[in-house]
Amino acid sequence: QILGKVYAVLSDEKQRAVYDETGMVDEDAEALQDGRDWLEYWQLLFKVTVKDIEDFQKNYKNSAEELADVKAAYMNFKGDMDRIMESVMCVDYTDEPRIREMIEQAIDSGELPSFKAFVRESKKKMMSRRRRVEKEAKEAKKSIDELGLSGENDLQALIKSRGRDREKEMGNFLAQLEAKYGNSAKKGGKKTTAKKRK
């Protein structure tokens, strides 16, 4: 809604002129009251589907860009595979052997230094990482199933779900404010009236 209002003001000459001169926006202006479905509008401008993400992953994996990202992560984190796997895009635990092989080849060719954290990583640490990411993958799948996200409109459904959650949180917040200050405001109002009568 905020982005929608910004766009409406900037794309309307009169509104923009008023804003440039005064720094104020006329909330009742026709440009801001057109009943446009802003969610739908922004999705048209910036439409991202599950297929788009999957296509990006296919093109990214085993690309020169991924290799550069893996090398940069290796250098940044001094060979710490936990942090490398967390920072490289589109990877999960099943990609670790592939990522490890990329790094080993770069070390063998002299492109990367041999960090102790990488070459001497213990089996215990490897297994701990694998268990952790497998658990996270199960939790993610459970969340997807609970939210009913399973098709082309996954992102839209997630946005709507989060929007509902935010509305509920705001409703709870307002209810708490009303409960906390509503009664005292009424009492205060009565005292003021009493004082005026005196």
N, C-alpha and C. Protein backbone atom coordinates (compact mmCIF):
# COMPACT_ATOMS: atom_id res chain seq x y z
N GLN A 1 0.82 -1.20 0.00
CA GLN A 1 0.00 0.00 0.00
C GLN A 1 0.86 1.26 0.00
N ILE A 2 1.93 1.23 0.78
CA ILE A 2 2.84 2.38 0.84
C ILE A 2 3.49 2.60 -0.52
N LEU A 3 4.00 1.51 -1.11
CA LEU A 3 4.60 1.61 -2.44
C LEU A 3 3.58 2.09 -3.45
N GLY A 4 2.35 1.62 -3.32
CA GLY A 4 1.29 2.04 -4.22
C GLY A 4 1.04 3.53 -4.13
N LYS A 5 1.01 4.06 -2.91
CA LYS A 5 0.78 5.49 -2.72
C LYS A 5 1.94 6.31 -3.29
N VAL A 6 3.16 5.82 -3.05
CA VAL A 6 4.34 6.51 -3.60
C VAL A 6 4.24 6.57 -5.11
N TYR A 7 3.92 5.44 -5.72
CA TYR A 7 3.80 5.38 -7.18
C TYR A 7 2.69 6.30 -7.67
N ALA A 8 1.55 6.30 -6.98
CA ALA A 8 0.42 7.14 -7.39
C ALA A 8 0.79 8.61 -7.34
N VAL A 9 1.50 9.02 -6.29
CA VAL A 9 1.89 10.43 -6.16
C VAL A 9 2.89 10.81 -7.25
N LEU A 10 3.90 9.97 -7.45
CA LEU A 10 4.94 10.30 -8.42
C LEU A 10 4.45 10.26 -9.86
N SER A 11 3.42 9.46 -10.12
CA SER A 11 2.93 9.35 -11.50
C SER A 11 1.81 10.34 -11.81
N ASP A 12 1.37 11.13 -10.81
CA ASP A 12 0.33 12.13 -11.02
C ASP A 12 0.98 13.51 -10.94
N GLU A 13 0.93 14.27 -12.04
CA GLU A 13 1.64 15.55 -12.11
C GLU A 13 1.23 16.52 -11.00
N LYS A 14 -0.07 16.64 -10.76
CA LYS A 14 -0.54 17.57 -9.74
C LYS A 14 -0.07 17.17 -8.35
N GLN A 15 -0.24 15.87 -8.04
CA GLN A 15 0.20 15.37 -6.73
C GLN A 15 1.70 15.56 -6.55
N ARG A 16 2.45 15.28 -7.60
CA ARG A 16 3.90 15.40 -7.50
C ARG A 16 4.31 16.86 -7.29
N ALA A 17 3.63 17.77 -7.99
CA ALA A 17 3.93 19.19 -7.84
C ALA A 17 3.65 19.66 -6.41
N VAL A 18 2.51 19.20 -5.88
CA VAL A 18 2.16 19.56 -4.49
C VAL A 18 3.21 19.02 -3.53
N TYR A 19 3.61 17.78 -3.75
CA TYR A 19 4.60 17.18 -2.85
C TYR A 19 5.95 17.90 -2.96
N ASP A 20 6.36 18.24 -4.20
CA ASP A 20 7.64 18.94 -4.40
C ASP A 20 7.65 20.28 -3.69
N GLU A 21 6.51 20.99 -3.70
CA GLU A 21 6.42 22.32 -3.09
C GLU A 21 6.28 22.26 -1.58
N THR A 22 5.45 21.33 -1.09
CA THR A 22 5.10 21.35 0.34
C THR A 22 5.67 20.19 1.15
N GLY A 23 6.05 19.12 0.46
CA GLY A 23 6.51 17.93 1.18
C GLY A 23 5.35 17.16 1.79
N MET A 24 4.11 17.54 1.42
CA MET A 24 2.92 16.89 1.96
C MET A 24 2.19 16.14 0.84
N VAL A 25 1.41 15.13 1.25
CA VAL A 25 0.62 14.34 0.31
C VAL A 25 -0.85 14.48 0.70
N ASP A 26 -1.69 14.76 -0.30
CA ASP A 26 -3.13 14.85 -0.07
C ASP A 26 -3.70 13.44 -0.05
N GLU A 27 -3.98 12.94 1.16
CA GLU A 27 -4.46 11.56 1.31
C GLU A 27 -5.82 11.32 0.64
N ASP A 28 -6.61 12.38 0.46
CA ASP A 28 -7.93 12.23 -0.13
C ASP A 28 -7.92 12.42 -1.65
N ALA A 29 -6.72 12.59 -2.22
CA ALA A 29 -6.64 12.84 -3.66
C ALA A 29 -7.15 11.64 -4.45
N GLU A 30 -7.72 11.96 -5.62
CA GLU A 30 -8.29 10.91 -6.48
C GLU A 30 -7.24 9.88 -6.88
N ALA A 31 -6.00 10.35 -7.09
CA ALA A 31 -4.92 9.45 -7.51
C ALA A 31 -4.65 8.36 -6.48
N LEU A 32 -4.97 8.68 -5.21
CA LEU A 32 -4.72 7.70 -4.15
C LEU A 32 -5.97 6.90 -3.80
N GLN A 33 -7.08 7.18 -4.45
CA GLN A 33 -8.34 6.53 -4.12
C GLN A 33 -8.94 5.78 -5.31
N ASP A 34 -8.08 5.20 -6.14
CA ASP A 34 -8.61 4.58 -7.36
C ASP A 34 -9.03 3.13 -7.18
N GLY A 35 -8.94 2.61 -5.96
CA GLY A 35 -9.39 1.24 -5.71
C GLY A 35 -8.54 0.18 -6.38
N ARG A 36 -7.33 0.54 -6.76
CA ARG A 36 -6.45 -0.41 -7.42
C ARG A 36 -6.04 -1.53 -6.46
N ASP A 37 -5.96 -2.76 -6.95
CA ASP A 37 -5.44 -3.88 -6.15
C ASP A 37 -3.92 -3.83 -6.27
N TRP A 38 -3.29 -3.21 -5.26
CA TRP A 38 -1.86 -2.97 -5.35
C TRP A 38 -1.05 -4.25 -5.34
N LEU A 39 -1.50 -5.26 -4.59
CA LEU A 39 -0.79 -6.54 -4.58
C LEU A 39 -0.72 -7.10 -5.99
N GLU A 40 -1.86 -7.09 -6.66
CA GLU A 40 -1.92 -7.61 -8.03
C GLU A 40 -1.05 -6.76 -8.96
N TYR A 41 -1.09 -5.43 -8.75
CA TYR A 41 -0.31 -4.52 -9.61
C TYR A 41 1.19 -4.78 -9.48
N TRP A 42 1.66 -4.88 -8.23
CA TRP A 42 3.11 -5.09 -8.04
C TRP A 42 3.53 -6.48 -8.48
N GLN A 43 2.62 -7.44 -8.39
CA GLN A 43 2.95 -8.77 -8.90
C GLN A 43 3.10 -8.76 -10.41
N LEU A 44 2.30 -7.92 -11.07
CA LEU A 44 2.44 -7.79 -12.52
C LEU A 44 3.80 -7.20 -12.88
N LEU A 45 4.23 -6.21 -12.08
CA LEU A 45 5.52 -5.58 -12.36
C LEU A 45 6.70 -6.48 -11.99
N PHE A 46 6.58 -7.16 -10.86
CA PHE A 46 7.68 -7.96 -10.35
C PHE A 46 7.22 -9.39 -10.09
N LYS A 47 6.76 -10.06 -11.14
CA LYS A 47 6.19 -11.39 -10.96
C LYS A 47 7.31 -12.42 -10.83
N VAL A 48 7.31 -13.14 -9.71
CA VAL A 48 8.27 -14.21 -9.47
C VAL A 48 7.47 -15.45 -9.11
N THR A 49 7.68 -16.52 -9.86
CA THR A 49 6.97 -17.76 -9.58
C THR A 49 7.95 -18.81 -9.11
N VAL A 50 7.41 -19.92 -8.63
CA VAL A 50 8.26 -21.04 -8.21
C VAL A 50 9.10 -21.52 -9.40
N LYS A 51 8.50 -21.53 -10.59
CA LYS A 51 9.21 -21.98 -11.80
C LYS A 51 10.40 -21.05 -12.08
N ASP A 52 10.22 -19.73 -11.88
CA ASP A 52 11.32 -18.78 -12.07
C ASP A 52 12.50 -19.12 -11.16
N ILE A 53 12.17 -19.44 -9.91
CA ILE A 53 13.22 -19.77 -8.94
C ILE A 53 13.91 -21.08 -9.33
N GLU A 54 13.10 -22.07 -9.72
CA GLU A 54 13.68 -23.36 -10.14
C GLU A 54 14.57 -23.20 -11.36
N ASP A 55 14.13 -22.37 -12.32
CA ASP A 55 14.95 -22.12 -13.52
C ASP A 55 16.25 -21.44 -13.16
N PHE A 56 16.17 -20.48 -12.22
CA PHE A 56 17.39 -19.80 -11.78
C PHE A 56 18.35 -20.79 -11.14
N GLN A 57 17.82 -21.69 -10.29
CA GLN A 57 18.67 -22.68 -9.64
C GLN A 57 19.37 -23.57 -10.66
N LYS A 58 18.61 -24.02 -11.67
CA LYS A 58 19.20 -24.89 -12.70
C LYS A 58 20.34 -24.19 -13.44
N ASN A 59 20.13 -22.90 -13.76
CA ASN A 59 21.15 -22.16 -14.48
C ASN A 59 22.34 -21.79 -13.60
N TYR A 60 22.07 -21.62 -12.30
CA TYR A 60 23.13 -21.19 -11.38
C TYR A 60 24.05 -22.34 -10.99
N LYS A 61 23.46 -23.50 -10.74
CA LYS A 61 24.27 -24.64 -10.30
C LYS A 61 25.26 -25.06 -11.38
N ASN A 62 26.51 -25.26 -10.95
CA ASN A 62 27.61 -25.65 -11.84
C ASN A 62 27.99 -24.55 -12.84
N SER A 63 27.58 -23.32 -12.57
CA SER A 63 27.94 -22.21 -13.45
C SER A 63 29.22 -21.54 -12.97
N ALA A 64 29.78 -20.67 -13.81
CA ALA A 64 30.97 -19.91 -13.43
C ALA A 64 30.65 -18.98 -12.25
N GLU A 65 29.41 -18.48 -12.23
CA GLU A 65 28.98 -17.59 -11.13
C GLU A 65 28.99 -18.35 -9.80
N GLU A 66 28.47 -19.58 -9.80
CA GLU A 66 28.46 -20.37 -8.57
C GLU A 66 29.89 -20.66 -8.13
N LEU A 67 30.74 -21.03 -9.07
CA LEU A 67 32.14 -21.33 -8.73
C LEU A 67 32.80 -20.11 -8.09
N ALA A 68 32.56 -18.94 -8.66
CA ALA A 68 33.14 -17.71 -8.09
C ALA A 68 32.60 -17.46 -6.69
N ASP A 69 31.31 -17.71 -6.48
CA ASP A 69 30.70 -17.52 -5.15
C ASP A 69 31.27 -18.50 -4.14
N VAL A 70 31.48 -19.75 -4.56
CA VAL A 70 32.04 -20.77 -3.66
C VAL A 70 33.47 -20.38 -3.26
N LYS A 71 34.26 -19.94 -4.23
CA LYS A 71 35.65 -19.53 -3.94
C LYS A 71 35.67 -18.34 -2.99
N ALA A 72 34.78 -17.36 -3.24
CA ALA A 72 34.72 -16.18 -2.38
C ALA A 72 34.32 -16.57 -0.96
N ALA A 73 33.35 -17.47 -0.84
CA ALA A 73 32.91 -17.91 0.49
C ALA A 73 34.03 -18.66 1.20
N TYR A 74 34.75 -19.50 0.46
CA TYR A 74 35.87 -20.25 1.03
C TYR A 74 36.91 -19.29 1.61
N MET A 75 37.23 -18.24 0.86
CA MET A 75 38.22 -17.26 1.32
C MET A 75 37.67 -16.45 2.50
N ASN A 76 36.42 -15.99 2.38
CA ASN A 76 35.84 -15.16 3.45
C ASN A 76 35.77 -15.88 4.78
N PHE A 77 35.44 -17.19 4.73
CA PHE A 77 35.23 -17.95 5.96
C PHE A 77 36.40 -18.88 6.28
N LYS A 78 37.51 -18.66 5.62
CA LYS A 78 38.76 -19.41 5.90
C LYS A 78 38.54 -20.93 5.91
N GLY A 79 37.72 -21.41 4.96
CA GLY A 79 37.53 -22.85 4.79
C GLY A 79 36.49 -23.48 5.70
N ASP A 80 35.74 -22.67 6.46
CA ASP A 80 34.72 -23.22 7.36
C ASP A 80 33.50 -23.66 6.53
N MET A 81 33.33 -24.97 6.37
CA MET A 81 32.26 -25.50 5.52
C MET A 81 30.86 -25.17 6.04
N ASP A 82 30.69 -25.06 7.34
CA ASP A 82 29.38 -24.68 7.89
C ASP A 82 28.94 -23.35 7.29
N ARG A 83 29.84 -22.38 7.34
CA ARG A 83 29.51 -21.04 6.87
C ARG A 83 29.48 -20.96 5.35
N ILE A 84 30.30 -21.73 4.69
CA ILE A 84 30.29 -21.77 3.22
C ILE A 84 28.95 -22.27 2.73
N MET A 85 28.48 -23.38 3.32
CA MET A 85 27.21 -23.97 2.89
C MET A 85 26.02 -23.05 3.21
N GLU A 86 26.14 -22.25 4.25
CA GLU A 86 25.06 -21.32 4.60
C GLU A 86 25.03 -20.11 3.67
N SER A 87 26.18 -19.74 3.11
CA SER A 87 26.24 -18.48 2.36
C SER A 87 26.07 -18.64 0.85
N VAL A 88 26.40 -19.81 0.30
CA VAL A 88 26.28 -19.99 -1.15
C VAL A 88 24.81 -20.22 -1.51
N MET A 89 24.34 -19.52 -2.54
CA MET A 89 22.93 -19.61 -2.94
C MET A 89 22.58 -20.99 -3.47
N CYS A 90 21.32 -21.36 -3.24
CA CYS A 90 20.69 -22.53 -3.89
C CYS A 90 21.33 -23.87 -3.54
N VAL A 91 22.05 -23.96 -2.44
CA VAL A 91 22.64 -25.26 -2.08
C VAL A 91 21.95 -25.83 -0.87
N ASP A 92 21.91 -27.17 -0.81
CA ASP A 92 21.47 -27.86 0.40
C ASP A 92 22.49 -28.96 0.68
N TYR A 93 22.22 -29.77 1.69
CA TYR A 93 23.23 -30.75 2.11
C TYR A 93 23.59 -31.74 1.01
N THR A 94 22.69 -31.97 0.07
CA THR A 94 22.99 -32.92 -1.01
C THR A 94 24.05 -32.35 -1.97
N ASP A 95 24.24 -31.02 -1.93
CA ASP A 95 25.24 -30.38 -2.80
C ASP A 95 26.63 -30.37 -2.18
N GLU A 96 26.75 -30.74 -0.91
CA GLU A 96 28.04 -30.60 -0.24
C GLU A 96 29.18 -31.34 -0.94
N PRO A 97 29.00 -32.61 -1.36
CA PRO A 97 30.12 -33.28 -2.05
C PRO A 97 30.56 -32.52 -3.30
N ARG A 98 29.60 -31.95 -4.02
CA ARG A 98 29.91 -31.19 -5.24
C ARG A 98 30.66 -29.91 -4.90
N ILE A 99 30.22 -29.21 -3.87
CA ILE A 99 30.88 -27.97 -3.45
C ILE A 99 32.29 -28.27 -2.94
N ARG A 100 32.41 -29.34 -2.16
CA ARG A 100 33.71 -29.74 -1.63
C ARG A 100 34.68 -30.07 -2.77
N GLU A 101 34.19 -30.75 -3.78
CA GLU A 101 35.03 -31.12 -4.92
C GLU A 101 35.50 -29.86 -5.68
N MET A 102 34.61 -28.89 -5.82
CA MET A 102 34.99 -27.63 -6.48
C MET A 102 36.14 -26.95 -5.73
N ILE A 103 36.04 -26.94 -4.41
CA ILE A 103 37.07 -26.30 -3.59
C ILE A 103 38.38 -27.08 -3.68
N GLU A 104 38.28 -28.41 -3.59
CA GLU A 104 39.49 -29.26 -3.66
C GLU A 104 40.22 -29.08 -4.99
N GLN A 105 39.48 -28.99 -6.07
CA GLN A 105 40.11 -28.78 -7.39
C GLN A 105 40.82 -27.42 -7.45
N ALA A 106 40.18 -26.39 -6.85
CA ALA A 106 40.78 -25.06 -6.83
C ALA A 106 42.03 -25.03 -5.96
N ILE A 107 42.04 -25.81 -4.87
CA ILE A 107 43.23 -25.90 -4.01
C ILE A 107 44.34 -26.62 -4.77
N ASP A 108 44.00 -27.74 -5.43
CA ASP A 108 45.00 -28.52 -6.17
C ASP A 108 45.63 -27.71 -7.30
N SER A 109 44.84 -26.85 -7.92
CA SER A 109 45.35 -26.04 -9.04
C SER A 109 46.10 -24.79 -8.56
N GLY A 110 46.07 -24.54 -7.26
CA GLY A 110 46.76 -23.38 -6.70
C GLY A 110 45.94 -22.10 -6.69
N GLU A 111 44.67 -22.17 -7.09
CA GLU A 111 43.82 -20.98 -7.09
C GLU A 111 43.44 -20.56 -5.67
N LEU A 112 43.31 -21.55 -4.78
CA LEU A 112 42.93 -21.27 -3.39
C LEU A 112 43.97 -21.82 -2.44
N PRO A 113 44.18 -21.13 -1.32
CA PRO A 113 45.10 -21.68 -0.30
C PRO A 113 44.44 -22.85 0.43
N SER A 114 45.26 -23.63 1.09
CA SER A 114 44.75 -24.79 1.82
C SER A 114 44.52 -24.40 3.29
N PHE A 115 43.26 -24.14 3.64
CA PHE A 115 42.94 -23.78 5.02
C PHE A 115 42.74 -25.04 5.85
N LYS A 116 43.29 -25.00 7.06
CA LYS A 116 43.21 -26.14 7.97
C LYS A 116 41.75 -26.51 8.28
N ALA A 117 40.90 -25.50 8.45
CA ALA A 117 39.48 -25.75 8.79
C ALA A 117 38.81 -26.60 7.72
N PHE A 118 39.26 -26.50 6.48
CA PHE A 118 38.66 -27.26 5.39
C PHE A 118 39.31 -28.64 5.24
N VAL A 119 40.64 -28.67 5.12
CA VAL A 119 41.31 -29.95 4.82
C VAL A 119 41.33 -30.90 6.00
N ARG A 120 41.20 -30.37 7.20
CA ARG A 120 41.24 -31.24 8.39
C ARG A 120 39.91 -31.26 9.14
N GLU A 121 38.83 -30.97 8.45
CA GLU A 121 37.53 -30.98 9.12
C GLU A 121 37.21 -32.39 9.60
N SER A 122 36.76 -32.51 10.84
CA SER A 122 36.49 -33.83 11.41
C SER A 122 35.20 -34.43 10.86
N LYS A 123 35.15 -35.76 10.86
CA LYS A 123 33.94 -36.47 10.42
C LYS A 123 32.76 -36.10 11.33
N LYS A 124 33.07 -35.91 12.63
CA LYS A 124 32.03 -35.57 13.60
C LYS A 124 31.34 -34.26 13.22
N LYS A 125 32.15 -33.26 12.82
CA LYS A 125 31.59 -31.96 12.43
C LYS A 125 30.77 -32.09 11.16
N MET A 126 31.24 -32.89 10.21
CA MET A 126 30.51 -33.11 8.95
C MET A 126 29.14 -33.74 9.23
N MET A 127 29.14 -34.76 10.09
CA MET A 127 27.88 -35.46 10.41
C MET A 127 26.92 -34.56 11.18
N SER A 128 27.47 -33.73 12.06
CA SER A 128 26.65 -32.80 12.82
C SER A 128 25.97 -31.81 11.88
N ARG A 129 26.72 -31.31 10.89
CA ARG A 129 26.15 -30.38 9.91
C ARG A 129 25.06 -31.07 9.10
N ARG A 130 25.33 -32.30 8.69
CA ARG A 130 24.34 -33.03 7.88
C ARG A 130 23.05 -33.26 8.66
N ARG A 131 23.16 -33.67 9.92
CA ARG A 131 21.96 -33.89 10.75
C ARG A 131 21.17 -32.60 10.91
N ARG A 132 21.88 -31.49 11.13
CA ARG A 132 21.22 -30.20 11.34
C ARG A 132 20.45 -29.77 10.09
N VAL A 133 21.07 -29.88 8.92
CA VAL A 133 20.40 -29.42 7.70
C VAL A 133 19.27 -30.36 7.29
N GLU A 134 19.43 -31.65 7.58
CA GLU A 134 18.33 -32.59 7.30
C GLU A 134 17.11 -32.25 8.16
N LYS A 135 17.37 -31.91 9.42
CA LYS A 135 16.29 -31.52 10.33
C LYS A 135 15.62 -30.24 9.84
N GLU A 136 16.43 -29.26 9.40
CA GLU A 136 15.88 -28.00 8.87
C GLU A 136 15.04 -28.26 7.63
N ALA A 137 15.49 -29.18 6.77
CA ALA A 137 14.76 -29.50 5.54
C ALA A 137 13.39 -30.11 5.87
N LYS A 138 13.36 -30.98 6.89
CA LYS A 138 12.08 -31.58 7.30
C LYS A 138 11.14 -30.51 7.86
N GLU A 139 11.69 -29.60 8.66
CA GLU A 139 10.87 -28.52 9.24
C GLU A 139 10.33 -27.60 8.14
N ALA A 140 11.16 -27.33 7.13
CA ALA A 140 10.72 -26.48 6.02
C ALA A 140 9.60 -27.15 5.25
N LYS A 141 9.73 -28.45 5.00
CA LYS A 141 8.68 -29.19 4.27
C LYS A 141 7.38 -29.18 5.08
N LYS A 142 7.50 -29.37 6.38
CA LYS A 142 6.31 -29.35 7.24
C LYS A 142 5.62 -28.00 7.17
N SER A 143 6.41 -26.91 7.21
CA SER A 143 5.85 -25.55 7.13
C SER A 143 5.15 -25.33 5.79
N ILE A 144 5.76 -25.81 4.71
CA ILE A 144 5.17 -25.68 3.38
C ILE A 144 3.84 -26.39 3.32
N ASP A 145 3.79 -27.62 3.87
CA ASP A 145 2.54 -28.39 3.88
C ASP A 145 1.47 -27.69 4.72
N GLU A 146 1.86 -27.15 5.88
CA GLU A 146 0.91 -26.47 6.75
C GLU A 146 0.33 -25.21 6.10
N LEU A 147 1.17 -24.50 5.33
CA LEU A 147 0.73 -23.28 4.66
C LEU A 147 -0.01 -23.57 3.36
N GLY A 148 0.03 -24.83 2.92
CA GLY A 148 -0.65 -25.20 1.68
C GLY A 148 0.05 -24.66 0.45
N LEU A 149 1.38 -24.55 0.53
CA LEU A 149 2.15 -24.04 -0.61
C LEU A 149 2.65 -25.21 -1.44
N SER A 150 2.07 -25.37 -2.63
CA SER A 150 2.50 -26.53 -3.41
C SER A 150 2.46 -26.30 -4.91
N GLY A 151 2.20 -25.07 -5.35
CA GLY A 151 2.08 -24.87 -6.79
C GLY A 151 2.68 -23.58 -7.26
N GLU A 152 2.20 -23.14 -8.44
CA GLU A 152 2.74 -21.96 -9.11
C GLU A 152 2.54 -20.69 -8.31
N ASN A 153 1.48 -20.64 -7.48
CA ASN A 153 1.17 -19.43 -6.73
C ASN A 153 1.68 -19.50 -5.29
N ASP A 154 2.74 -20.29 -5.06
CA ASP A 154 3.31 -20.43 -3.72
C ASP A 154 3.63 -19.08 -3.08
N LEU A 155 4.33 -18.22 -3.82
CA LEU A 155 4.77 -16.95 -3.25
C LEU A 155 3.58 -16.06 -2.92
N GLN A 156 2.59 -16.05 -3.79
CA GLN A 156 1.39 -15.24 -3.53
C GLN A 156 0.69 -15.73 -2.27
N ALA A 157 0.57 -17.06 -2.14
CA ALA A 157 -0.08 -17.63 -0.96
C ALA A 157 0.70 -17.28 0.30
N LEU A 158 2.03 -17.33 0.20
CA LEU A 158 2.86 -17.01 1.36
C LEU A 158 2.71 -15.54 1.75
N ILE A 159 2.69 -14.65 0.74
CA ILE A 159 2.51 -13.22 1.01
C ILE A 159 1.18 -12.98 1.71
N LYS A 160 0.11 -13.61 1.18
CA LYS A 160 -1.21 -13.43 1.79
C LYS A 160 -1.24 -13.97 3.22
N SER A 161 -0.59 -15.13 3.42
CA SER A 161 -0.57 -15.73 4.75
C SER A 161 0.15 -14.82 5.74
N ARG A 162 1.29 -14.27 5.30
CA ARG A 162 2.04 -13.37 6.19
C ARG A 162 1.27 -12.08 6.43
N GLY A 163 0.55 -11.63 5.40
CA GLY A 163 -0.29 -10.43 5.56
C GLY A 163 -1.36 -10.65 6.62
N ARG A 164 -1.99 -11.84 6.57
CA ARG A 164 -3.02 -12.16 7.58
C ARG A 164 -2.41 -12.20 8.97
N ASP A 165 -1.20 -12.78 9.08
CA ASP A 165 -0.52 -12.84 10.37
C ASP A 165 -0.24 -11.45 10.90
N ARG A 166 0.22 -10.55 9.99
CA ARG A 166 0.52 -9.18 10.42
C ARG A 166 -0.74 -8.45 10.87
N GLU A 167 -1.84 -8.66 10.13
CA GLU A 167 -3.11 -8.04 10.51
C GLU A 167 -3.54 -8.52 11.90
N LYS A 168 -3.38 -9.82 12.14
CA LYS A 168 -3.76 -10.39 13.43
C LYS A 168 -2.90 -9.80 14.54
N GLU A 169 -1.57 -9.68 14.28
CA GLU A 169 -0.67 -9.10 15.26
C GLU A 169 -1.06 -7.65 15.56
N MET A 170 -1.38 -6.91 14.50
CA MET A 170 -1.77 -5.51 14.69
C MET A 170 -3.06 -5.42 15.49
N GLY A 171 -4.02 -6.31 15.18
CA GLY A 171 -5.28 -6.34 15.93
C GLY A 171 -5.04 -6.62 17.40
N ASN A 172 -4.16 -7.59 17.69
CA ASN A 172 -3.82 -7.91 19.08
C ASN A 172 -3.15 -6.72 19.77
N PHE A 173 -2.26 -6.05 19.03
CA PHE A 173 -1.55 -4.90 19.58
C PHE A 173 -2.53 -3.78 19.93
N LEU A 174 -3.46 -3.49 19.01
CA LEU A 174 -4.45 -2.44 19.26
C LEU A 174 -5.37 -2.81 20.42
N ALA A 175 -5.73 -4.10 20.51
CA ALA A 175 -6.58 -4.55 21.61
C ALA A 175 -5.86 -4.37 22.95
N GLN A 176 -4.55 -4.65 22.96
CA GLN A 176 -3.78 -4.46 24.19
C GLN A 176 -3.72 -2.99 24.58
N LEU A 177 -3.52 -2.12 23.57
CA LEU A 177 -3.49 -0.68 23.87
C LEU A 177 -4.83 -0.21 24.42
N GLU A 178 -5.91 -0.70 23.80
CA GLU A 178 -7.25 -0.30 24.24
C GLU A 178 -7.50 -0.78 25.67
N ALA A 179 -7.09 -2.03 25.95
CA ALA A 179 -7.29 -2.58 27.29
C ALA A 179 -6.48 -1.80 28.32
N LYS A 180 -5.27 -1.40 27.91
CA LYS A 180 -4.38 -0.72 28.85
C LYS A 180 -4.77 0.73 29.08
N TYR A 181 -5.09 1.44 27.99
CA TYR A 181 -5.32 2.87 28.10
C TYR A 181 -6.78 3.29 27.93
N GLY A 182 -7.59 2.42 27.38
CA GLY A 182 -8.99 2.77 27.10
C GLY A 182 -9.77 3.13 28.35
N ASN A 183 -9.68 2.31 29.41
CA ASN A 183 -10.43 2.56 30.65
C ASN A 183 -9.94 3.80 31.36
N SER A 184 -8.61 3.98 31.41
CA SER A 184 -8.07 5.15 32.11
C SER A 184 -8.43 6.42 31.38
N ALA A 185 -8.53 6.35 30.04
CA ALA A 185 -8.89 7.55 29.27
C ALA A 185 -10.33 7.95 29.60
N LYS A 186 -11.20 6.93 29.73
CA LYS A 186 -12.60 7.22 30.07
C LYS A 186 -12.70 7.84 31.45
N LYS A 187 -11.93 7.26 32.40
CA LYS A 187 -11.94 7.79 33.77
C LYS A 187 -11.44 9.22 33.78
N GLY A 188 -10.36 9.44 33.02
CA GLY A 188 -9.79 10.78 32.93
C GLY A 188 -10.80 11.76 32.39
N GLY A 189 -11.57 11.32 31.41
CA GLY A 189 -12.59 12.16 30.79
C GLY A 189 -13.63 12.58 31.81
N LYS A 190 -14.05 11.67 32.68
CA LYS A 190 -15.06 11.96 33.70
C LYS A 190 -14.53 12.99 34.70
N LYS A 191 -13.25 12.84 35.08
CA LYS A 191 -12.66 13.78 36.04
C LYS A 191 -12.64 15.19 35.47
N THR A 192 -12.26 15.27 34.18
CA THR A 192 -12.19 16.57 33.54
C THR A 192 -13.56 17.24 33.52
N THR A 193 -14.59 16.44 33.20
CA THR A 193 -15.97 16.96 33.17
C THR A 193 -16.38 17.45 34.57
N ALA A 194 -16.01 16.67 35.57
CA ALA A 194 -16.36 17.03 36.95
C ALA A 194 -15.72 18.34 37.34
N LYS A 195 -14.46 18.51 36.96
CA LYS A 195 -13.73 19.74 37.29
C LYS A 195 -14.39 20.95 36.63
N LYS A 196 -14.81 20.77 35.37
CA LYS A 196 -15.43 21.88 34.63
C LYS A 196 -16.73 22.31 35.31
N ARG A 197 -17.48 21.34 35.82
CA ARG A 197 -18.75 21.67 36.48
C ARG A 197 -18.52 22.50 37.73
N LYS A 198 -17.45 22.18 38.48
CA LYS A 198 -17.14 22.94 39.69
C LYS A 198 -16.82 24.37 39.32
